[in-house]
Amino acid sequence: MNPEQLLTAPPTEPDGTATDRVFDAIYRAVLEHRLAPGEWLREAEMATEFKVSRTVVRQALQRLAQDQVIELRHNRGARVPLPSLEDAVHVFEARRIVECEVARRLGGRLTPEQLAELRAVAQAEQAADQRGDRAEAIRLSGEFHHALTRMHGNPVFGRLLNGLLPTTSLLMARF
């Protein structure tokens, strides 16, 4: 792992804890394909790069493992998961069910302001894709899907999507 891969993400809210900052940076690095499937994460390197203790890094890694963004291997450390083709079938089926239901329920109910927000994100994603900024395009794609679930108003759909996005991103990077 190249530690700079983690720090290229935009900073989180200034009132977040050090653990939140490390968590967010690794989460974004996975989503944006700056950390590859199977890549090992070294506590000491991350602690140095983030200027935090190894305890803070461990706490962030524990949270990431709970969210299945990374894997913790006993006596081996942490690594970005290597999802299988079977995982792909399950993840994309779950996303299809959740996102189709959100879209169905939102159909014809969005305000002009909400439509403008979605158009702006979609146009920004397209522009990032056209200029070859893959990480930004991936981030904006996730932002679009998050906006839809937020507009729907059911926070459970948002949590489901949050749980599926990292694996989706890893699948895209791997396959």
N, C-alpha and C. Protein backbone atom coordinates (compact mmCIF):
# COMPACT_ATOMS: atom_id res chain seq x y z
N MET A 1 0.84 -1.18 0.00
CA MET A 1 0.00 0.00 0.00
C MET A 1 0.88 1.24 0.00
N ASN A 2 0.58 2.12 -0.88
CA ASN A 2 1.24 3.42 -0.92
C ASN A 2 0.42 4.35 -0.02
N PRO A 3 0.95 4.84 1.08
CA PRO A 3 0.16 5.65 2.02
C PRO A 3 -0.50 6.86 1.37
N GLU A 4 0.12 7.43 0.34
CA GLU A 4 -0.49 8.59 -0.31
C GLU A 4 -1.84 8.23 -0.92
N GLN A 5 -2.07 6.94 -1.21
CA GLN A 5 -3.35 6.52 -1.76
C GLN A 5 -4.50 6.89 -0.83
N LEU A 6 -4.23 6.95 0.44
CA LEU A 6 -5.29 7.18 1.41
C LEU A 6 -5.57 8.66 1.61
N LEU A 7 -4.58 9.48 1.45
CA LEU A 7 -4.75 10.89 1.81
C LEU A 7 -5.19 11.77 0.66
N THR A 8 -5.46 11.20 -0.51
CA THR A 8 -5.91 12.03 -1.61
C THR A 8 -7.41 12.30 -1.54
N ALA A 9 -8.11 11.66 -0.60
CA ALA A 9 -9.54 11.90 -0.44
C ALA A 9 -9.76 13.25 0.21
N PRO A 10 -10.89 13.88 -0.10
CA PRO A 10 -11.20 15.15 0.56
C PRO A 10 -11.34 14.94 2.06
N PRO A 11 -10.98 15.93 2.87
CA PRO A 11 -11.09 15.78 4.32
C PRO A 11 -12.54 15.65 4.75
N THR A 12 -12.73 14.98 5.89
CA THR A 12 -14.07 14.84 6.44
C THR A 12 -14.41 16.08 7.24
N GLU A 13 -15.57 16.06 7.83
CA GLU A 13 -16.01 17.20 8.64
C GLU A 13 -14.97 17.52 9.70
N PRO A 14 -14.73 18.78 9.97
CA PRO A 14 -13.68 19.16 10.92
C PRO A 14 -13.95 18.70 12.35
N ASP A 15 -15.21 18.43 12.69
CA ASP A 15 -15.50 18.02 14.06
C ASP A 15 -15.42 16.50 14.24
N GLY A 16 -15.04 15.75 13.20
CA GLY A 16 -14.91 14.31 13.31
C GLY A 16 -13.68 13.93 14.13
N THR A 17 -13.71 12.73 14.69
CA THR A 17 -12.59 12.25 15.47
C THR A 17 -11.48 11.75 14.54
N ALA A 18 -10.32 11.49 15.11
CA ALA A 18 -9.22 10.94 14.33
C ALA A 18 -9.62 9.59 13.75
N THR A 19 -10.34 8.80 14.52
CA THR A 19 -10.81 7.50 14.02
C THR A 19 -11.73 7.69 12.83
N ASP A 20 -12.63 8.68 12.91
CA ASP A 20 -13.54 8.97 11.80
C ASP A 20 -12.75 9.36 10.55
N ARG A 21 -11.71 10.17 10.74
CA ARG A 21 -10.89 10.64 9.62
C ARG A 21 -10.20 9.46 8.92
N VAL A 22 -9.64 8.55 9.70
CA VAL A 22 -8.97 7.37 9.13
C VAL A 22 -10.00 6.47 8.45
N PHE A 23 -11.11 6.23 9.13
CA PHE A 23 -12.20 5.41 8.57
C PHE A 23 -12.63 5.97 7.21
N ASP A 24 -12.95 7.27 7.18
CA ASP A 24 -13.45 7.89 5.95
C ASP A 24 -12.43 7.82 4.82
N ALA A 25 -11.17 8.05 5.13
CA ALA A 25 -10.14 8.03 4.09
C ALA A 25 -9.99 6.63 3.50
N ILE A 26 -10.00 5.61 4.33
CA ILE A 26 -9.86 4.24 3.81
C ILE A 26 -11.12 3.84 3.05
N TYR A 27 -12.29 4.19 3.60
CA TYR A 27 -13.56 3.88 2.93
C TYR A 27 -13.56 4.48 1.52
N ARG A 28 -13.20 5.77 1.42
CA ARG A 28 -13.17 6.44 0.11
C ARG A 28 -12.12 5.81 -0.81
N ALA A 29 -10.97 5.45 -0.26
CA ALA A 29 -9.92 4.85 -1.09
C ALA A 29 -10.39 3.53 -1.69
N VAL A 30 -11.15 2.76 -0.93
CA VAL A 30 -11.71 1.50 -1.46
C VAL A 30 -12.75 1.82 -2.53
N LEU A 31 -13.67 2.72 -2.23
CA LEU A 31 -14.73 3.06 -3.19
C LEU A 31 -14.16 3.61 -4.49
N GLU A 32 -13.11 4.40 -4.39
CA GLU A 32 -12.56 5.07 -5.56
C GLU A 32 -11.45 4.26 -6.25
N HIS A 33 -11.28 3.02 -5.84
CA HIS A 33 -10.31 2.10 -6.45
C HIS A 33 -8.87 2.52 -6.25
N ARG A 34 -8.61 3.35 -5.24
CA ARG A 34 -7.23 3.70 -4.94
C ARG A 34 -6.57 2.61 -4.10
N LEU A 35 -7.38 1.75 -3.50
CA LEU A 35 -6.89 0.54 -2.84
C LEU A 35 -7.49 -0.64 -3.59
N ALA A 36 -6.65 -1.54 -4.03
CA ALA A 36 -7.08 -2.64 -4.88
C ALA A 36 -7.55 -3.83 -4.05
N PRO A 37 -8.46 -4.65 -4.63
CA PRO A 37 -8.85 -5.87 -3.95
C PRO A 37 -7.61 -6.72 -3.63
N GLY A 38 -7.55 -7.20 -2.39
CA GLY A 38 -6.44 -8.03 -1.95
C GLY A 38 -5.27 -7.26 -1.36
N GLU A 39 -5.30 -5.94 -1.45
CA GLU A 39 -4.19 -5.12 -0.94
C GLU A 39 -4.18 -5.12 0.59
N TRP A 40 -2.98 -5.27 1.15
CA TRP A 40 -2.80 -5.29 2.59
C TRP A 40 -2.67 -3.86 3.13
N LEU A 41 -3.24 -3.63 4.29
CA LEU A 41 -3.18 -2.33 4.95
C LEU A 41 -2.30 -2.48 6.18
N ARG A 42 -1.23 -1.71 6.23
CA ARG A 42 -0.27 -1.82 7.32
C ARG A 42 -0.51 -0.73 8.36
N GLU A 43 -0.78 -1.17 9.59
CA GLU A 43 -1.11 -0.25 10.68
C GLU A 43 -0.04 0.81 10.89
N ALA A 44 1.20 0.38 10.95
CA ALA A 44 2.28 1.32 11.26
C ALA A 44 2.38 2.41 10.18
N GLU A 45 2.30 2.03 8.91
CA GLU A 45 2.37 3.01 7.82
C GLU A 45 1.21 3.99 7.89
N MET A 46 0.01 3.45 8.15
CA MET A 46 -1.17 4.32 8.22
C MET A 46 -1.08 5.28 9.40
N ALA A 47 -0.61 4.78 10.54
CA ALA A 47 -0.48 5.63 11.72
C ALA A 47 0.48 6.79 11.43
N THR A 48 1.58 6.49 10.76
CA THR A 48 2.54 7.53 10.41
C THR A 48 1.93 8.52 9.43
N GLU A 49 1.29 8.01 8.39
CA GLU A 49 0.73 8.87 7.35
C GLU A 49 -0.38 9.78 7.88
N PHE A 50 -1.23 9.23 8.75
CA PHE A 50 -2.34 10.02 9.29
C PHE A 50 -1.96 10.81 10.54
N LYS A 51 -0.72 10.57 11.02
CA LYS A 51 -0.24 11.23 12.24
C LYS A 51 -1.16 10.95 13.43
N VAL A 52 -1.47 9.64 13.58
CA VAL A 52 -2.29 9.17 14.69
C VAL A 52 -1.61 7.94 15.29
N SER A 53 -2.13 7.48 16.41
CA SER A 53 -1.59 6.28 17.04
C SER A 53 -2.08 5.03 16.30
N ARG A 54 -1.39 3.94 16.52
CA ARG A 54 -1.84 2.67 15.94
C ARG A 54 -3.18 2.26 16.53
N THR A 55 -3.48 2.69 17.75
CA THR A 55 -4.77 2.39 18.37
C THR A 55 -5.90 3.02 17.56
N VAL A 56 -5.70 4.25 17.13
CA VAL A 56 -6.71 4.93 16.32
C VAL A 56 -6.89 4.18 15.00
N VAL A 57 -5.80 3.78 14.38
CA VAL A 57 -5.88 3.02 13.12
C VAL A 57 -6.62 1.71 13.36
N ARG A 58 -6.30 1.01 14.45
CA ARG A 58 -6.99 -0.25 14.77
C ARG A 58 -8.48 -0.03 14.94
N GLN A 59 -8.87 1.05 15.62
CA GLN A 59 -10.29 1.34 15.81
C GLN A 59 -10.99 1.55 14.46
N ALA A 60 -10.35 2.30 13.58
CA ALA A 60 -10.93 2.53 12.26
C ALA A 60 -11.03 1.22 11.48
N LEU A 61 -9.99 0.40 11.56
CA LEU A 61 -10.01 -0.88 10.86
C LEU A 61 -11.10 -1.81 11.39
N GLN A 62 -11.33 -1.77 12.69
CA GLN A 62 -12.41 -2.57 13.29
C GLN A 62 -13.77 -2.14 12.72
N ARG A 63 -13.99 -0.84 12.66
CA ARG A 63 -15.26 -0.34 12.10
C ARG A 63 -15.39 -0.72 10.62
N LEU A 64 -14.31 -0.59 9.88
CA LEU A 64 -14.35 -0.94 8.46
C LEU A 64 -14.63 -2.43 8.28
N ALA A 65 -14.07 -3.25 9.14
CA ALA A 65 -14.32 -4.70 9.07
C ALA A 65 -15.78 -5.01 9.40
N GLN A 66 -16.33 -4.31 10.39
CA GLN A 66 -17.75 -4.51 10.73
C GLN A 66 -18.64 -4.19 9.53
N ASP A 67 -18.26 -3.16 8.77
CA ASP A 67 -19.02 -2.76 7.59
C ASP A 67 -18.64 -3.56 6.35
N GLN A 68 -17.74 -4.52 6.51
CA GLN A 68 -17.27 -5.41 5.45
C GLN A 68 -16.58 -4.65 4.31
N VAL A 69 -15.96 -3.52 4.66
CA VAL A 69 -15.18 -2.76 3.69
C VAL A 69 -13.79 -3.36 3.58
N ILE A 70 -13.27 -3.89 4.70
CA ILE A 70 -11.98 -4.58 4.72
C ILE A 70 -12.17 -5.90 5.48
N GLU A 71 -11.16 -6.74 5.41
CA GLU A 71 -11.14 -8.00 6.18
C GLU A 71 -10.01 -7.92 7.19
N LEU A 72 -10.28 -8.37 8.40
CA LEU A 72 -9.22 -8.52 9.40
C LEU A 72 -8.87 -9.99 9.46
N ARG A 73 -7.60 -10.29 9.26
CA ARG A 73 -7.12 -11.67 9.29
C ARG A 73 -6.32 -11.89 10.56
N HIS A 74 -6.69 -12.89 11.33
CA HIS A 74 -6.01 -13.18 12.59
C HIS A 74 -4.51 -13.39 12.35
N ASN A 75 -3.70 -12.66 13.09
CA ASN A 75 -2.24 -12.72 13.01
C ASN A 75 -1.67 -12.32 11.64
N ARG A 76 -2.47 -11.71 10.77
CA ARG A 76 -1.97 -11.32 9.45
C ARG A 76 -2.23 -9.85 9.16
N GLY A 77 -3.24 -9.27 9.78
CA GLY A 77 -3.52 -7.86 9.56
C GLY A 77 -4.82 -7.63 8.80
N ALA A 78 -4.87 -6.49 8.14
CA ALA A 78 -6.07 -6.07 7.43
C ALA A 78 -5.79 -6.03 5.94
N ARG A 79 -6.80 -6.36 5.17
CA ARG A 79 -6.65 -6.25 3.72
C ARG A 79 -7.99 -5.92 3.08
N VAL A 80 -7.90 -5.40 1.90
CA VAL A 80 -9.09 -5.12 1.10
C VAL A 80 -9.60 -6.48 0.61
N PRO A 81 -10.89 -6.75 0.75
CA PRO A 81 -11.41 -8.06 0.35
C PRO A 81 -11.24 -8.35 -1.14
N LEU A 82 -11.27 -9.63 -1.45
CA LEU A 82 -11.25 -10.11 -2.83
C LEU A 82 -12.61 -10.76 -3.10
N PRO A 83 -13.60 -9.97 -3.50
CA PRO A 83 -14.92 -10.56 -3.70
C PRO A 83 -14.92 -11.54 -4.88
N SER A 84 -15.80 -12.53 -4.78
CA SER A 84 -15.90 -13.56 -5.82
C SER A 84 -17.02 -13.23 -6.81
N LEU A 85 -17.10 -14.01 -7.87
CA LEU A 85 -18.21 -13.84 -8.82
C LEU A 85 -19.54 -14.14 -8.15
N GLU A 86 -19.55 -15.07 -7.21
CA GLU A 86 -20.78 -15.36 -6.46
C GLU A 86 -21.20 -14.14 -5.65
N ASP A 87 -20.20 -13.46 -5.05
CA ASP A 87 -20.50 -12.21 -4.33
C ASP A 87 -21.14 -11.20 -5.27
N ALA A 88 -20.64 -11.14 -6.49
CA ALA A 88 -21.18 -10.19 -7.47
C ALA A 88 -22.65 -10.45 -7.73
N VAL A 89 -23.01 -11.70 -7.89
CA VAL A 89 -24.41 -12.04 -8.13
C VAL A 89 -25.27 -11.55 -6.98
N HIS A 90 -24.85 -11.82 -5.76
CA HIS A 90 -25.63 -11.44 -4.59
C HIS A 90 -25.71 -9.93 -4.40
N VAL A 91 -24.58 -9.25 -4.56
CA VAL A 91 -24.55 -7.80 -4.34
C VAL A 91 -25.39 -7.08 -5.39
N PHE A 92 -25.23 -7.44 -6.66
CA PHE A 92 -25.98 -6.75 -7.70
C PHE A 92 -27.47 -7.07 -7.64
N GLU A 93 -27.81 -8.26 -7.19
CA GLU A 93 -29.23 -8.58 -6.99
C GLU A 93 -29.82 -7.70 -5.88
N ALA A 94 -29.09 -7.57 -4.78
CA ALA A 94 -29.57 -6.74 -3.67
C ALA A 94 -29.69 -5.28 -4.10
N ARG A 95 -28.70 -4.78 -4.82
CA ARG A 95 -28.77 -3.38 -5.28
C ARG A 95 -29.95 -3.19 -6.23
N ARG A 96 -30.15 -4.14 -7.12
CA ARG A 96 -31.26 -4.02 -8.07
C ARG A 96 -32.60 -3.93 -7.33
N ILE A 97 -32.78 -4.76 -6.31
CA ILE A 97 -34.03 -4.76 -5.56
C ILE A 97 -34.21 -3.43 -4.82
N VAL A 98 -33.18 -3.01 -4.08
CA VAL A 98 -33.27 -1.78 -3.29
C VAL A 98 -33.43 -0.56 -4.19
N GLU A 99 -32.56 -0.42 -5.18
CA GLU A 99 -32.57 0.79 -5.99
C GLU A 99 -33.78 0.86 -6.92
N CYS A 100 -34.25 -0.26 -7.42
CA CYS A 100 -35.46 -0.23 -8.25
C CYS A 100 -36.67 0.18 -7.42
N GLU A 101 -36.74 -0.31 -6.20
CA GLU A 101 -37.85 0.07 -5.33
C GLU A 101 -37.78 1.55 -4.98
N VAL A 102 -36.60 2.05 -4.68
CA VAL A 102 -36.45 3.49 -4.39
C VAL A 102 -36.89 4.30 -5.62
N ALA A 103 -36.42 3.93 -6.80
CA ALA A 103 -36.77 4.67 -8.02
C ALA A 103 -38.27 4.58 -8.30
N ARG A 104 -38.86 3.40 -8.10
CA ARG A 104 -40.29 3.24 -8.32
C ARG A 104 -41.09 4.16 -7.41
N ARG A 105 -40.69 4.22 -6.15
CA ARG A 105 -41.43 5.05 -5.20
C ARG A 105 -41.20 6.55 -5.41
N LEU A 106 -40.07 6.91 -6.00
CA LEU A 106 -39.79 8.32 -6.26
C LEU A 106 -40.40 8.80 -7.57
N GLY A 107 -40.74 7.88 -8.44
CA GLY A 107 -41.25 8.24 -9.76
C GLY A 107 -42.40 9.23 -9.69
N GLY A 108 -42.23 10.38 -10.35
CA GLY A 108 -43.27 11.40 -10.39
C GLY A 108 -43.42 12.21 -9.12
N ARG A 109 -42.57 11.97 -8.13
CA ARG A 109 -42.71 12.66 -6.84
C ARG A 109 -41.59 13.63 -6.52
N LEU A 110 -40.58 13.69 -7.36
CA LEU A 110 -39.44 14.57 -7.08
C LEU A 110 -39.80 16.02 -7.37
N THR A 111 -39.29 16.89 -6.52
CA THR A 111 -39.49 18.33 -6.73
C THR A 111 -38.54 18.80 -7.82
N PRO A 112 -38.80 19.97 -8.39
CA PRO A 112 -37.85 20.52 -9.38
C PRO A 112 -36.44 20.69 -8.80
N GLU A 113 -36.34 21.04 -7.53
CA GLU A 113 -35.03 21.20 -6.89
C GLU A 113 -34.31 19.85 -6.79
N GLN A 114 -35.05 18.80 -6.44
CA GLN A 114 -34.44 17.47 -6.35
C GLN A 114 -33.98 16.99 -7.72
N LEU A 115 -34.81 17.22 -8.74
CA LEU A 115 -34.41 16.83 -10.09
C LEU A 115 -33.17 17.59 -10.54
N ALA A 116 -33.10 18.87 -10.20
CA ALA A 116 -31.92 19.67 -10.56
C ALA A 116 -30.68 19.14 -9.85
N GLU A 117 -30.82 18.74 -8.58
CA GLU A 117 -29.69 18.18 -7.84
C GLU A 117 -29.20 16.89 -8.50
N LEU A 118 -30.12 16.02 -8.85
CA LEU A 118 -29.74 14.76 -9.50
C LEU A 118 -29.09 15.00 -10.86
N ARG A 119 -29.65 15.93 -11.63
CA ARG A 119 -29.06 16.25 -12.94
C ARG A 119 -27.63 16.78 -12.78
N ALA A 120 -27.44 17.66 -11.79
CA ALA A 120 -26.11 18.25 -11.58
C ALA A 120 -25.09 17.17 -11.22
N VAL A 121 -25.47 16.23 -10.37
CA VAL A 121 -24.55 15.15 -9.99
C VAL A 121 -24.27 14.26 -11.20
N ALA A 122 -25.31 13.92 -11.96
CA ALA A 122 -25.13 13.07 -13.14
C ALA A 122 -24.23 13.75 -14.17
N GLN A 123 -24.42 15.06 -14.38
CA GLN A 123 -23.59 15.79 -15.34
C GLN A 123 -22.14 15.87 -14.86
N ALA A 124 -21.95 16.07 -13.55
CA ALA A 124 -20.59 16.12 -13.00
C ALA A 124 -19.91 14.75 -13.16
N GLU A 125 -20.68 13.68 -12.93
CA GLU A 125 -20.13 12.33 -13.11
C GLU A 125 -19.72 12.11 -14.56
N GLN A 126 -20.58 12.50 -15.48
CA GLN A 126 -20.27 12.35 -16.90
C GLN A 126 -19.02 13.14 -17.28
N ALA A 127 -18.91 14.37 -16.77
CA ALA A 127 -17.73 15.20 -17.07
C ALA A 127 -16.46 14.56 -16.50
N ALA A 128 -16.54 14.02 -15.28
CA ALA A 128 -15.37 13.36 -14.68
C ALA A 128 -14.98 12.15 -15.51
N ASP A 129 -15.97 11.40 -15.97
CA ASP A 129 -15.71 10.22 -16.80
C ASP A 129 -15.05 10.62 -18.12
N GLN A 130 -15.54 11.69 -18.74
CA GLN A 130 -15.00 12.15 -20.02
C GLN A 130 -13.57 12.64 -19.91
N ARG A 131 -13.21 13.22 -18.76
CA ARG A 131 -11.83 13.70 -18.61
C ARG A 131 -10.91 12.61 -18.02
N GLY A 132 -11.46 11.41 -17.81
CA GLY A 132 -10.66 10.28 -17.35
C GLY A 132 -10.41 10.26 -15.85
N ASP A 133 -11.16 11.02 -15.09
CA ASP A 133 -11.01 11.04 -13.62
C ASP A 133 -11.91 9.97 -13.03
N ARG A 134 -11.41 8.75 -13.07
CA ARG A 134 -12.20 7.59 -12.64
C ARG A 134 -12.62 7.67 -11.18
N ALA A 135 -11.70 8.07 -10.30
CA ALA A 135 -12.03 8.15 -8.87
C ALA A 135 -13.17 9.14 -8.63
N GLU A 136 -13.11 10.28 -9.29
CA GLU A 136 -14.17 11.29 -9.11
C GLU A 136 -15.49 10.78 -9.70
N ALA A 137 -15.45 10.11 -10.84
CA ALA A 137 -16.66 9.57 -11.44
C ALA A 137 -17.30 8.53 -10.52
N ILE A 138 -16.48 7.68 -9.93
CA ILE A 138 -17.00 6.67 -9.01
C ILE A 138 -17.61 7.33 -7.79
N ARG A 139 -16.93 8.33 -7.24
CA ARG A 139 -17.45 9.04 -6.07
C ARG A 139 -18.80 9.68 -6.38
N LEU A 140 -18.89 10.32 -7.54
CA LEU A 140 -20.13 10.99 -7.93
C LEU A 140 -21.25 9.98 -8.21
N SER A 141 -20.92 8.84 -8.74
CA SER A 141 -21.93 7.80 -8.94
C SER A 141 -22.53 7.39 -7.60
N GLY A 142 -21.66 7.17 -6.61
CA GLY A 142 -22.15 6.85 -5.27
C GLY A 142 -22.98 7.98 -4.69
N GLU A 143 -22.55 9.24 -4.94
CA GLU A 143 -23.29 10.40 -4.45
C GLU A 143 -24.69 10.44 -5.06
N PHE A 144 -24.81 10.10 -6.34
CA PHE A 144 -26.10 10.07 -7.02
C PHE A 144 -27.03 9.06 -6.34
N HIS A 145 -26.53 7.86 -6.11
CA HIS A 145 -27.35 6.82 -5.49
C HIS A 145 -27.72 7.17 -4.05
N HIS A 146 -26.78 7.79 -3.34
CA HIS A 146 -27.08 8.26 -1.98
C HIS A 146 -28.16 9.33 -2.00
N ALA A 147 -28.08 10.23 -2.98
CA ALA A 147 -29.08 11.30 -3.08
C ALA A 147 -30.47 10.70 -3.30
N LEU A 148 -30.57 9.70 -4.15
CA LEU A 148 -31.86 9.06 -4.37
C LEU A 148 -32.42 8.46 -3.09
N THR A 149 -31.59 7.73 -2.35
CA THR A 149 -32.11 7.12 -1.11
C THR A 149 -32.45 8.19 -0.08
N ARG A 150 -31.68 9.27 -0.03
CA ARG A 150 -31.99 10.37 0.89
C ARG A 150 -33.32 11.01 0.51
N MET A 151 -33.53 11.23 -0.77
CA MET A 151 -34.77 11.84 -1.24
C MET A 151 -35.97 10.94 -0.96
N HIS A 152 -35.75 9.65 -0.97
CA HIS A 152 -36.83 8.71 -0.67
C HIS A 152 -37.28 8.88 0.77
N GLY A 153 -36.31 9.10 1.67
CA GLY A 153 -36.66 9.37 3.06
C GLY A 153 -36.60 8.19 4.00
N ASN A 154 -36.33 6.99 3.49
CA ASN A 154 -36.24 5.82 4.36
C ASN A 154 -34.76 5.57 4.67
N PRO A 155 -34.32 5.83 5.90
CA PRO A 155 -32.89 5.68 6.22
C PRO A 155 -32.39 4.24 6.12
N VAL A 156 -33.29 3.28 6.19
CA VAL A 156 -32.87 1.88 6.07
C VAL A 156 -32.32 1.62 4.67
N PHE A 157 -32.97 2.19 3.66
CA PHE A 157 -32.45 2.03 2.29
C PHE A 157 -31.05 2.64 2.17
N GLY A 158 -30.83 3.77 2.82
CA GLY A 158 -29.51 4.39 2.80
C GLY A 158 -28.46 3.50 3.45
N ARG A 159 -28.79 2.90 4.58
CA ARG A 159 -27.84 1.99 5.25
C ARG A 159 -27.57 0.76 4.40
N LEU A 160 -28.61 0.24 3.75
CA LEU A 160 -28.40 -0.92 2.86
C LEU A 160 -27.45 -0.56 1.72
N LEU A 161 -27.68 0.60 1.14
CA LEU A 161 -26.81 1.03 0.04
C LEU A 161 -25.38 1.24 0.53
N ASN A 162 -25.22 1.86 1.70
CA ASN A 162 -23.88 2.05 2.26
C ASN A 162 -23.16 0.73 2.43
N GLY A 163 -23.89 -0.31 2.79
CA GLY A 163 -23.29 -1.62 2.97
C GLY A 163 -22.92 -2.30 1.66
N LEU A 164 -23.61 -1.93 0.59
CA LEU A 164 -23.37 -2.57 -0.71
C LEU A 164 -22.34 -1.84 -1.58
N LEU A 165 -22.19 -0.53 -1.38
CA LEU A 165 -21.29 0.23 -2.25
C LEU A 165 -19.83 -0.22 -2.22
N PRO A 166 -19.24 -0.46 -1.04
CA PRO A 166 -17.83 -0.88 -1.08
C PRO A 166 -17.61 -2.18 -1.85
N THR A 167 -18.48 -3.16 -1.65
CA THR A 167 -18.31 -4.43 -2.36
C THR A 167 -18.55 -4.23 -3.85
N THR A 168 -19.53 -3.38 -4.21
CA THR A 168 -19.76 -3.07 -5.63
C THR A 168 -18.49 -2.50 -6.24
N SER A 169 -17.89 -1.56 -5.56
CA SER A 169 -16.68 -0.93 -6.07
C SER A 169 -15.55 -1.94 -6.21
N LEU A 170 -15.39 -2.80 -5.22
CA LEU A 170 -14.35 -3.83 -5.29
C LEU A 170 -14.61 -4.79 -6.46
N LEU A 171 -15.87 -5.13 -6.68
CA LEU A 171 -16.20 -6.00 -7.80
C LEU A 171 -15.86 -5.34 -9.13
N MET A 172 -16.16 -4.04 -9.24
CA MET A 172 -15.82 -3.32 -10.46
C MET A 172 -14.32 -3.29 -10.68
N ALA A 173 -13.56 -3.10 -9.62
CA ALA A 173 -12.10 -3.06 -9.74
C ALA A 173 -11.54 -4.43 -10.09
N ARG A 174 -12.14 -5.47 -9.55
CA ARG A 174 -11.61 -6.82 -9.75
C ARG A 174 -12.02 -7.42 -11.08
N PHE A 175 -13.25 -7.22 -11.48
CA PHE A 175 -13.74 -7.88 -12.67
C PHE A 175 -14.01 -6.90 -13.80
